[in-house]
Amino acid sequence: MKKFFLAGIFLLLPCTAYALPESSENLKKLEKGFILPCNEIGNENCISRLIGVNACTFIFGINKGKNYKDAMRIADNVFIAVMKGNNLDVNDMFEKDGFIKKQIRVESKARINMCRQQTKQAIPVLFKESFGGDDLPEERIEGASLAFAEYWLDNFEMMRRGKK
């Protein structure tokens, strides 16, 4: 199963590392070309992997010089495209109370942490954009990179529950 995700990430990397898929044409290509074996691994596993792609695309955008808003827009558009391309419904990731299903949450955190090194590079940029000021000490960058996956998933839940 890891092979499918890693293969998918490697297919996505040229799009994100060199040219983030911003145009509608590139998003359409991604929608049609980034297909996971959801019928073999299950929709919850597919959703978890695509949440990882979503979070890492955001991080790659920050590391490529995009501001928060633009990186988020690109990441959201990529998420929508790959969810649509895999015939997945975002509503299937949530329990009735608006929280992410436990299995999806656990696997998504692991998937998001696959780009932790890139997250560590992005944290100081995000901090400066949000708060300005001095550079962050290494231990704060480390802590923030460890907390990023939880932060990302919490944002999905807050949006779902109408608190954002």
Protein backbone atom coordinates (compact mmCIF):
# COMPACT_ATOMS: atom_id res chain seq x y z
CA MET A 1 0.00 0.00 0.00
CA LYS A 2 2.87 2.37 0.75
CA LYS A 3 4.09 1.79 -2.80
CA PHE A 4 0.85 3.22 -4.24
CA PHE A 5 1.07 6.35 -2.10
CA LEU A 6 4.76 6.89 -2.74
CA ALA A 7 4.29 6.33 -6.46
CA GLY A 8 1.47 8.86 -6.40
CA ILE A 9 3.50 11.39 -4.46
CA PHE A 10 6.38 11.00 -6.92
CA LEU A 11 3.96 11.60 -9.78
CA LEU A 12 2.74 14.72 -8.03
CA LEU A 13 6.16 16.06 -7.06
CA PRO A 14 7.08 17.38 -10.51
CA CYS A 15 3.88 19.39 -10.47
CA THR A 16 4.46 20.76 -6.98
CA ALA A 17 8.21 21.00 -6.82
CA TYR A 18 8.73 22.82 -10.10
CA ALA A 19 5.37 24.28 -11.02
CA LEU A 20 2.47 24.07 -8.62
CA PRO A 21 -0.65 22.97 -10.50
CA GLU A 22 -2.33 26.37 -10.59
CA SER A 23 -3.90 26.44 -14.03
CA SER A 24 -7.25 24.82 -14.66
CA GLU A 25 -5.59 22.75 -17.39
CA ASN A 26 -3.02 21.32 -14.94
CA LEU A 27 -5.71 20.68 -12.35
CA LYS A 28 -7.76 18.82 -14.97
CA LYS A 29 -4.71 16.68 -15.82
CA LEU A 30 -4.22 15.96 -12.13
CA GLU A 31 -7.90 15.06 -11.73
CA LYS A 32 -7.69 12.55 -14.56
CA GLY A 33 -4.18 11.26 -13.87
CA PHE A 34 -3.91 10.95 -10.08
CA ILE A 35 -6.05 7.87 -9.58
CA LEU A 36 -5.59 5.68 -6.53
CA PRO A 37 -6.75 2.04 -6.24
CA CYS A 38 -9.60 2.97 -3.87
CA ASN A 39 -11.54 -0.18 -4.73
CA GLU A 40 -8.58 -2.20 -3.39
CA ILE A 41 -7.53 -0.14 -0.39
CA GLY A 42 -10.88 1.41 0.57
CA ASN A 43 -12.25 4.92 0.36
CA GLU A 44 -11.09 5.88 3.86
CA ASN A 45 -7.49 5.02 3.00
CA CYS A 46 -7.78 6.94 -0.27
CA ILE A 47 -9.19 9.99 1.51
CA SER A 48 -6.36 9.83 4.07
CA ARG A 49 -3.77 9.78 1.32
CA LEU A 50 -5.39 12.70 -0.46
CA ILE A 51 -5.49 14.71 2.76
CA GLY A 52 -1.73 14.10 2.93
CA VAL A 53 -1.36 15.35 -0.63
CA ASN A 54 -3.47 18.38 0.29
CA ALA A 55 -1.35 19.33 3.31
CA CYS A 56 1.95 18.68 1.56
CA THR A 57 0.88 20.69 -1.49
CA PHE A 58 0.24 23.62 0.86
CA ILE A 59 3.70 23.20 2.39
CA PHE A 60 5.35 22.90 -1.03
CA GLY A 61 3.59 26.12 -2.06
CA ILE A 62 4.93 27.99 0.97
CA ASN A 63 8.41 26.67 0.24
CA LYS A 64 8.09 27.86 -3.36
CA GLY A 65 7.40 31.43 -2.21
CA LYS A 66 3.60 31.48 -2.23
CA ASN A 67 1.88 33.40 0.54
CA TYR A 68 -0.51 31.58 2.90
CA LYS A 69 -3.65 32.46 0.96
CA ASP A 70 -2.25 31.46 -2.44
CA ALA A 71 -0.70 28.23 -1.13
CA MET A 72 -4.01 27.33 0.52
CA ARG A 73 -5.96 28.07 -2.67
CA ILE A 74 -3.65 25.84 -4.70
CA ALA A 75 -3.76 23.05 -2.11
CA ASP A 76 -7.56 23.23 -1.92
CA ASN A 77 -7.88 23.13 -5.71
CA VAL A 78 -5.56 20.12 -5.87
CA PHE A 79 -7.59 18.39 -3.13
CA ILE A 80 -10.86 19.04 -4.94
CA ALA A 81 -9.40 17.77 -8.23
CA VAL A 82 -7.96 14.54 -6.83
CA MET A 83 -11.05 13.83 -4.73
CA LYS A 84 -13.22 14.32 -7.80
CA GLY A 85 -10.90 12.23 -9.97
CA ASN A 86 -11.12 9.37 -7.48
CA ASN A 87 -14.92 9.71 -7.13
CA LEU A 88 -14.65 10.46 -3.41
CA ASP A 89 -17.02 12.56 -1.33
CA VAL A 90 -15.45 14.81 1.30
CA ASN A 91 -18.47 14.18 3.54
CA ASP A 92 -17.38 10.55 3.91
CA MET A 93 -14.39 11.58 6.02
CA PHE A 94 -16.53 12.90 8.87
CA GLU A 95 -18.53 11.37 11.68
CA LYS A 96 -22.01 12.79 12.27
CA ASP A 97 -20.64 15.15 14.94
CA GLY A 98 -18.31 16.82 12.42
CA PHE A 99 -15.10 15.20 13.59
CA ILE A 100 -12.86 13.27 11.22
CA LYS A 101 -13.26 9.50 11.45
CA LYS A 102 -10.59 7.96 13.66
CA GLN A 103 -9.06 5.71 10.97
CA ILE A 104 -8.81 8.63 8.55
CA ARG A 105 -7.33 10.89 11.23
CA VAL A 106 -4.63 8.38 12.20
CA GLU A 107 -3.58 7.59 8.64
CA SER A 108 -3.82 11.22 7.51
CA LYS A 109 -1.43 12.31 10.25
CA ALA A 110 1.08 9.70 9.11
CA ARG A 111 0.68 10.84 5.48
CA ILE A 112 1.04 14.52 6.34
CA ASN A 113 4.17 13.76 8.33
CA MET A 114 5.77 12.27 5.21
CA CYS A 115 6.57 15.87 4.21
CA ARG A 116 7.76 16.86 7.70
CA GLN A 117 11.19 18.01 6.51
CA GLN A 118 9.51 20.39 4.07
CA THR A 119 7.14 21.45 6.86
CA LYS A 120 10.13 22.36 9.03
CA GLN A 121 11.36 24.60 6.20
CA ALA A 122 7.94 26.25 5.84
CA ILE A 123 7.26 26.92 9.56
CA PRO A 124 9.56 29.96 9.86
CA VAL A 125 8.09 31.44 6.67
CA LEU A 126 4.53 30.93 7.93
CA PHE A 127 5.44 32.39 11.32
CA LYS A 128 7.00 35.50 9.81
CA GLU A 129 4.05 36.00 7.45
CA SER A 130 1.58 35.69 10.32
CA PHE A 131 3.39 37.42 13.16
CA GLY A 132 6.53 39.10 11.80
CA GLY A 133 9.37 39.38 14.25
CA ASP A 134 12.46 37.37 14.96
CA ASP A 135 13.48 33.97 13.69
CA LEU A 136 12.07 30.99 15.53
CA PRO A 137 14.39 28.88 17.64
CA GLU A 138 14.96 25.35 16.32
CA GLU A 139 12.95 23.74 19.14
CA ARG A 140 9.89 25.86 18.26
CA ILE A 141 10.23 24.87 14.59
CA GLU A 142 10.51 21.23 15.63
CA GLY A 143 7.42 21.45 17.85
CA ALA A 144 5.38 23.28 15.23
CA SER A 145 6.32 20.75 12.55
CA LEU A 146 5.21 17.93 14.86
CA ALA A 147 1.90 19.70 15.50
CA PHE A 148 1.21 20.62 11.85
CA ALA A 149 -0.69 17.43 10.97
CA GLU A 150 -3.06 17.91 13.91
CA TYR A 151 -3.49 21.58 13.01
CA TRP A 152 -4.34 20.67 9.41
CA LEU A 153 -6.97 18.13 10.43
CA ASP A 154 -8.43 20.46 13.07
CA ASN A 155 -9.02 23.03 10.33
CA PHE A 156 -11.07 20.52 8.35
CA GLU A 157 -13.16 19.85 11.46
CA MET A 158 -13.64 23.53 12.26
CA MET A 159 -14.83 24.20 8.71
CA ARG A 160 -17.16 21.21 8.89
CA ARG A 161 -18.65 22.36 12.16
CA GLY A 162 -18.98 25.93 10.89
CA LYS A 163 -16.46 27.54 13.23
CA LYS A 164 -14.20 29.04 10.59
